Amino acid sequence: MNRFTSFLALLFLAPTIAFLTQTASQTRPHHSVCYAKKKGRQINVPKPLPTGPPPQDISMPEDCSMDDLLEVMGEGRLKKIGRKNRRKRNQKIREGKVVLNEKGEWVPIN
């Protein structure tokens, strides 16, 4: 009976022991930025930001509405774009590069 219980214990514990033990490949450190310093490389160098298409290449269909734009891009992203554009416009106003015309639009000074 003792052999039978030890056999059952081995049978139930064997799969869990296989997951708990680490192989040699798992114990080696992964190559990352932390280990690059030992090789004489620069660390914490920011990657260049991806560049999108120029604004002249971006066009919207004539029948596109604000609801369609909200559905495609999302409300949060459009709010972010609006905040960015307002910041740029306000900076230009402070610098005196744009003025308010008679229609109430901000136009660049010629």
N, C-alpha and C. Protein backbone atom coordinates (compact mmCIF):
# COMPACT_ATOMS: atom_id res chain seq x y z
N MET A 1 0.82 -1.20 0.00
CA MET A 1 0.00 0.00 0.00
C MET A 1 0.86 1.26 0.00
N ASN A 2 2.00 1.18 0.67
CA ASN A 2 2.89 2.34 0.74
C ASN A 2 3.44 2.68 -0.64
N ARG A 3 3.77 1.64 -1.43
CA ARG A 3 4.25 1.87 -2.79
C ARG A 3 3.17 2.53 -3.64
N PHE A 4 1.95 2.09 -3.44
CA PHE A 4 0.84 2.62 -4.22
C PHE A 4 0.62 4.10 -3.93
N THR A 5 0.67 4.52 -2.67
CA THR A 5 0.47 5.93 -2.34
C THR A 5 1.65 6.78 -2.83
N SER A 6 2.87 6.24 -2.75
CA SER A 6 4.01 7.01 -3.25
C SER A 6 3.94 7.13 -4.77
N PHE A 7 3.44 6.09 -5.43
CA PHE A 7 3.27 6.15 -6.87
C PHE A 7 2.21 7.18 -7.25
N LEU A 8 1.11 7.22 -6.50
CA LEU A 8 0.07 8.22 -6.77
C LEU A 8 0.57 9.65 -6.52
N ALA A 9 1.35 9.83 -5.46
CA ALA A 9 1.90 11.15 -5.16
C ALA A 9 2.83 11.59 -6.28
N LEU A 10 3.67 10.67 -6.76
CA LEU A 10 4.57 10.98 -7.86
C LEU A 10 3.79 11.30 -9.13
N LEU A 11 2.73 10.57 -9.34
CA LEU A 11 1.91 10.77 -10.52
C LEU A 11 1.26 12.16 -10.53
N PHE A 12 0.79 12.62 -9.37
CA PHE A 12 0.14 13.92 -9.30
C PHE A 12 1.12 15.08 -9.20
N LEU A 13 2.29 14.86 -8.64
CA LEU A 13 3.25 15.95 -8.47
C LEU A 13 4.18 16.12 -9.67
N ALA A 14 4.34 15.10 -10.49
CA ALA A 14 5.27 15.18 -11.61
C ALA A 14 4.96 16.34 -12.56
N PRO A 15 3.71 16.55 -12.97
CA PRO A 15 3.45 17.68 -13.88
C PRO A 15 3.74 19.04 -13.24
N THR A 16 3.47 19.19 -11.96
CA THR A 16 3.72 20.48 -11.33
C THR A 16 5.20 20.72 -11.12
N ILE A 17 5.97 19.68 -10.86
CA ILE A 17 7.42 19.84 -10.68
C ILE A 17 8.05 20.25 -12.01
N ALA A 18 7.52 19.75 -13.11
CA ALA A 18 8.06 20.11 -14.42
C ALA A 18 7.90 21.60 -14.68
N PHE A 19 6.82 22.21 -14.19
CA PHE A 19 6.62 23.64 -14.40
C PHE A 19 7.42 24.48 -13.42
N LEU A 20 7.75 23.93 -12.27
CA LEU A 20 8.46 24.70 -11.26
C LEU A 20 9.96 24.74 -11.50
N THR A 21 10.53 23.74 -12.13
CA THR A 21 11.96 23.74 -12.38
C THR A 21 12.27 24.59 -13.58
N GLN A 22 13.40 25.29 -13.52
CA GLN A 22 13.79 26.16 -14.63
C GLN A 22 14.86 25.47 -15.45
N THR A 23 14.79 25.64 -16.73
CA THR A 23 15.80 25.09 -17.60
C THR A 23 16.96 26.07 -17.70
N ALA A 24 18.04 25.65 -18.31
CA ALA A 24 19.22 26.50 -18.42
C ALA A 24 18.93 27.74 -19.25
N SER A 25 18.09 27.62 -20.27
CA SER A 25 17.80 28.78 -21.11
C SER A 25 16.96 29.82 -20.37
N GLN A 26 16.19 29.41 -19.38
CA GLN A 26 15.36 30.36 -18.65
C GLN A 26 16.15 31.09 -17.58
N THR A 27 17.25 30.50 -17.10
CA THR A 27 18.00 31.14 -16.03
C THR A 27 19.00 32.15 -16.56
N ARG A 28 19.35 32.08 -17.85
CA ARG A 28 20.28 33.05 -18.41
C ARG A 28 19.60 34.40 -18.54
N PRO A 29 20.33 35.48 -18.31
CA PRO A 29 19.70 36.80 -18.46
C PRO A 29 19.43 37.09 -19.92
N HIS A 30 18.31 37.76 -20.16
CA HIS A 30 17.94 38.15 -21.51
C HIS A 30 18.75 39.37 -21.90
N HIS A 31 19.04 39.49 -23.17
CA HIS A 31 19.77 40.66 -23.63
C HIS A 31 18.82 41.84 -23.63
N SER A 32 19.15 42.83 -22.88
CA SER A 32 18.30 44.01 -22.80
C SER A 32 19.17 45.23 -22.60
N VAL A 33 18.53 46.35 -22.37
CA VAL A 33 19.25 47.60 -22.19
C VAL A 33 20.12 47.55 -20.95
N CYS A 34 19.69 46.81 -19.94
CA CYS A 34 20.45 46.75 -18.70
C CYS A 34 21.83 46.13 -18.91
N TYR A 35 21.93 45.17 -19.80
CA TYR A 35 23.19 44.48 -20.01
C TYR A 35 24.02 45.13 -21.12
N ALA A 36 23.48 46.11 -21.81
CA ALA A 36 24.22 46.76 -22.89
C ALA A 36 25.38 47.57 -22.36
N LYS A 37 25.30 48.04 -21.13
CA LYS A 37 26.36 48.86 -20.56
C LYS A 37 27.65 48.06 -20.43
N LYS A 38 27.53 46.79 -20.15
CA LYS A 38 28.71 45.95 -20.02
C LYS A 38 29.43 45.79 -21.34
N LYS A 39 28.73 45.96 -22.43
CA LYS A 39 29.32 45.80 -23.75
C LYS A 39 29.84 47.12 -24.30
N GLY A 40 29.72 48.20 -23.55
CA GLY A 40 30.22 49.49 -23.98
C GLY A 40 29.27 50.26 -24.86
N ARG A 41 28.01 49.87 -24.92
CA ARG A 41 27.03 50.58 -25.73
C ARG A 41 26.38 51.67 -24.91
N GLN A 42 25.82 52.65 -25.59
CA GLN A 42 25.07 53.69 -24.90
C GLN A 42 23.73 53.13 -24.45
N ILE A 43 23.30 53.57 -23.28
CA ILE A 43 21.99 53.14 -22.80
C ILE A 43 21.08 54.35 -22.69
N ASN A 44 19.81 54.08 -22.64
CA ASN A 44 18.77 55.11 -22.51
C ASN A 44 18.81 56.11 -23.66
N VAL A 45 19.09 55.64 -24.86
CA VAL A 45 19.04 56.49 -26.04
C VAL A 45 17.63 56.39 -26.60
N PRO A 46 16.89 57.51 -26.68
CA PRO A 46 15.50 57.42 -27.17
C PRO A 46 15.46 57.08 -28.65
N LYS A 47 14.46 56.29 -29.00
CA LYS A 47 14.25 55.94 -30.40
C LYS A 47 13.59 57.11 -31.11
N PRO A 48 13.88 57.32 -32.38
CA PRO A 48 13.21 58.41 -33.09
C PRO A 48 11.72 58.11 -33.24
N LEU A 49 10.92 59.16 -33.17
CA LEU A 49 9.48 59.01 -33.30
C LEU A 49 9.11 58.71 -34.74
N PRO A 50 8.09 57.89 -34.94
CA PRO A 50 7.68 57.61 -36.32
C PRO A 50 7.06 58.85 -36.96
N THR A 51 7.30 59.01 -38.23
CA THR A 51 6.74 60.16 -38.94
C THR A 51 5.58 59.69 -39.80
N GLY A 52 4.53 60.43 -39.79
CA GLY A 52 3.35 60.09 -40.58
C GLY A 52 3.41 60.76 -41.93
N PRO A 53 2.36 60.64 -42.68
CA PRO A 53 2.34 61.29 -44.00
C PRO A 53 2.24 62.81 -43.84
N PRO A 54 2.72 63.56 -44.81
CA PRO A 54 2.60 65.02 -44.72
C PRO A 54 1.13 65.43 -44.76
N PRO A 55 0.79 66.57 -44.15
CA PRO A 55 -0.61 67.00 -44.10
C PRO A 55 -1.24 67.17 -45.47
N GLN A 56 -0.45 67.45 -46.50
CA GLN A 56 -1.01 67.63 -47.84
C GLN A 56 -1.57 66.31 -48.39
N ASP A 57 -1.02 65.18 -47.92
CA ASP A 57 -1.47 63.88 -48.42
C ASP A 57 -2.71 63.36 -47.70
N ILE A 58 -3.07 63.97 -46.59
CA ILE A 58 -4.23 63.51 -45.82
C ILE A 58 -5.47 64.22 -46.34
N SER A 59 -6.45 63.45 -46.78
CA SER A 59 -7.69 64.05 -47.27
C SER A 59 -8.87 63.26 -46.74
N MET A 60 -9.99 63.93 -46.60
CA MET A 60 -11.21 63.29 -46.12
C MET A 60 -12.26 63.38 -47.23
N PRO A 61 -13.13 62.40 -47.31
CA PRO A 61 -14.21 62.48 -48.30
C PRO A 61 -15.13 63.66 -48.01
N GLU A 62 -15.76 64.14 -49.04
CA GLU A 62 -16.65 65.30 -48.92
C GLU A 62 -17.87 64.99 -48.05
N ASP A 63 -18.36 63.75 -48.08
CA ASP A 63 -19.56 63.40 -47.33
C ASP A 63 -19.24 62.95 -45.90
N CYS A 64 -18.03 63.14 -45.45
CA CYS A 64 -17.63 62.73 -44.10
C CYS A 64 -18.20 63.72 -43.06
N SER A 65 -18.80 63.17 -42.01
CA SER A 65 -19.36 64.03 -40.97
C SER A 65 -18.54 63.87 -39.68
N MET A 66 -18.84 64.70 -38.70
CA MET A 66 -18.13 64.63 -37.42
C MET A 66 -18.42 63.30 -36.72
N ASP A 67 -19.61 62.77 -36.88
CA ASP A 67 -19.95 61.48 -36.28
C ASP A 67 -19.08 60.36 -36.86
N ASP A 68 -18.85 60.41 -38.18
CA ASP A 68 -17.99 59.41 -38.81
C ASP A 68 -16.56 59.52 -38.29
N LEU A 69 -16.10 60.75 -38.13
CA LEU A 69 -14.76 60.98 -37.62
C LEU A 69 -14.62 60.48 -36.19
N LEU A 70 -15.64 60.74 -35.37
CA LEU A 70 -15.64 60.25 -33.99
C LEU A 70 -15.61 58.73 -33.94
N GLU A 71 -16.35 58.11 -34.83
CA GLU A 71 -16.42 56.65 -34.86
C GLU A 71 -15.07 56.04 -35.24
N VAL A 72 -14.40 56.65 -36.19
CA VAL A 72 -13.13 56.10 -36.67
C VAL A 72 -11.99 56.40 -35.72
N MET A 73 -11.86 57.65 -35.28
CA MET A 73 -10.70 58.04 -34.50
C MET A 73 -10.92 57.96 -32.99
N GLY A 74 -12.13 58.11 -32.55
CA GLY A 74 -12.39 58.08 -31.12
C GLY A 74 -12.42 59.48 -30.53
N GLU A 75 -13.27 59.64 -29.51
CA GLU A 75 -13.45 60.97 -28.90
C GLU A 75 -12.20 61.45 -28.20
N GLY A 76 -11.53 60.55 -27.49
CA GLY A 76 -10.33 60.95 -26.74
C GLY A 76 -9.23 61.46 -27.65
N ARG A 77 -9.03 60.79 -28.79
CA ARG A 77 -7.98 61.21 -29.71
C ARG A 77 -8.30 62.56 -30.33
N LEU A 78 -9.57 62.79 -30.68
CA LEU A 78 -9.94 64.08 -31.25
C LEU A 78 -9.78 65.20 -30.23
N LYS A 79 -10.10 64.93 -28.96
CA LYS A 79 -9.90 65.94 -27.92
C LYS A 79 -8.42 66.27 -27.78
N LYS A 80 -7.58 65.24 -27.85
CA LYS A 80 -6.13 65.44 -27.74
C LYS A 80 -5.62 66.30 -28.90
N ILE A 81 -6.09 66.03 -30.10
CA ILE A 81 -5.68 66.81 -31.27
C ILE A 81 -6.14 68.26 -31.12
N GLY A 82 -7.37 68.47 -30.61
CA GLY A 82 -7.88 69.82 -30.40
C GLY A 82 -7.06 70.59 -29.38
N ARG A 83 -6.68 69.91 -28.28
CA ARG A 83 -5.85 70.57 -27.26
C ARG A 83 -4.50 70.97 -27.83
N LYS A 84 -3.91 70.09 -28.62
CA LYS A 84 -2.61 70.37 -29.23
C LYS A 84 -2.70 71.57 -30.17
N ASN A 85 -3.76 71.61 -30.98
CA ASN A 85 -3.92 72.72 -31.92
C ASN A 85 -4.18 74.03 -31.18
N ARG A 86 -4.95 73.99 -30.09
CA ARG A 86 -5.18 75.21 -29.30
C ARG A 86 -3.90 75.71 -28.66
N ARG A 87 -3.06 74.78 -28.17
CA ARG A 87 -1.78 75.19 -27.59
C ARG A 87 -0.91 75.89 -28.63
N LYS A 88 -0.84 75.31 -29.83
CA LYS A 88 -0.04 75.92 -30.90
C LYS A 88 -0.59 77.30 -31.27
N ARG A 89 -1.92 77.39 -31.40
CA ARG A 89 -2.53 78.66 -31.77
C ARG A 89 -2.29 79.71 -30.69
N ASN A 90 -2.47 79.35 -29.42
CA ASN A 90 -2.27 80.30 -28.33
C ASN A 90 -0.83 80.77 -28.25
N GLN A 91 0.13 79.87 -28.55
CA GLN A 91 1.52 80.28 -28.55
C GLN A 91 1.78 81.29 -29.67
N LYS A 92 1.18 81.06 -30.83
CA LYS A 92 1.33 82.01 -31.95
C LYS A 92 0.70 83.36 -31.62
N ILE A 93 -0.44 83.32 -30.88
CA ILE A 93 -1.08 84.58 -30.47
C ILE A 93 -0.17 85.34 -29.52
N ARG A 94 0.43 84.64 -28.55
CA ARG A 94 1.34 85.30 -27.61
C ARG A 94 2.55 85.90 -28.31
N GLU A 95 3.05 85.20 -29.34
CA GLU A 95 4.21 85.69 -30.07
C GLU A 95 3.85 86.77 -31.09
N GLY A 96 2.55 86.98 -31.34
CA GLY A 96 2.10 88.00 -32.28
C GLY A 96 2.18 87.56 -33.73
N LYS A 97 2.21 86.26 -33.99
CA LYS A 97 2.31 85.76 -35.36
C LYS A 97 0.95 85.66 -36.04
N VAL A 98 -0.15 85.67 -35.27
CA VAL A 98 -1.49 85.63 -35.85
C VAL A 98 -2.34 86.72 -35.23
N VAL A 99 -3.33 87.19 -36.00
CA VAL A 99 -4.24 88.23 -35.52
C VAL A 99 -5.67 87.81 -35.84
N LEU A 100 -6.62 88.41 -35.15
CA LEU A 100 -8.04 88.14 -35.35
C LEU A 100 -8.56 89.04 -36.47
N ASN A 101 -9.16 88.46 -37.50
CA ASN A 101 -9.69 89.28 -38.59
C ASN A 101 -11.15 89.65 -38.31
N GLU A 102 -11.80 90.33 -39.25
CA GLU A 102 -13.17 90.81 -39.03
C GLU A 102 -14.19 89.67 -38.98
N LYS A 103 -13.85 88.49 -39.50
CA LYS A 103 -14.77 87.34 -39.44
C LYS A 103 -14.63 86.56 -38.14
N GLY A 104 -13.67 86.93 -37.31
CA GLY A 104 -13.46 86.22 -36.06
C GLY A 104 -12.55 85.03 -36.20
N GLU A 105 -11.74 85.02 -37.27
CA GLU A 105 -10.81 83.90 -37.49
C GLU A 105 -9.39 84.38 -37.22
N TRP A 106 -8.55 83.47 -36.73
CA TRP A 106 -7.16 83.76 -36.51
C TRP A 106 -6.40 83.51 -37.80
N VAL A 107 -5.74 84.56 -38.31
CA VAL A 107 -5.00 84.46 -39.57
C VAL A 107 -3.57 84.93 -39.34
N PRO A 108 -2.61 84.37 -40.09
CA PRO A 108 -1.22 84.81 -39.93
C PRO A 108 -1.02 86.23 -40.42
N ILE A 109 -0.07 86.91 -39.82
CA ILE A 109 0.26 88.27 -40.23
C ILE A 109 1.09 88.19 -41.50
N ASN A 110 0.72 88.99 -42.51
CA ASN A 110 1.47 88.98 -43.78
C ASN A 110 2.51 90.05 -43.79
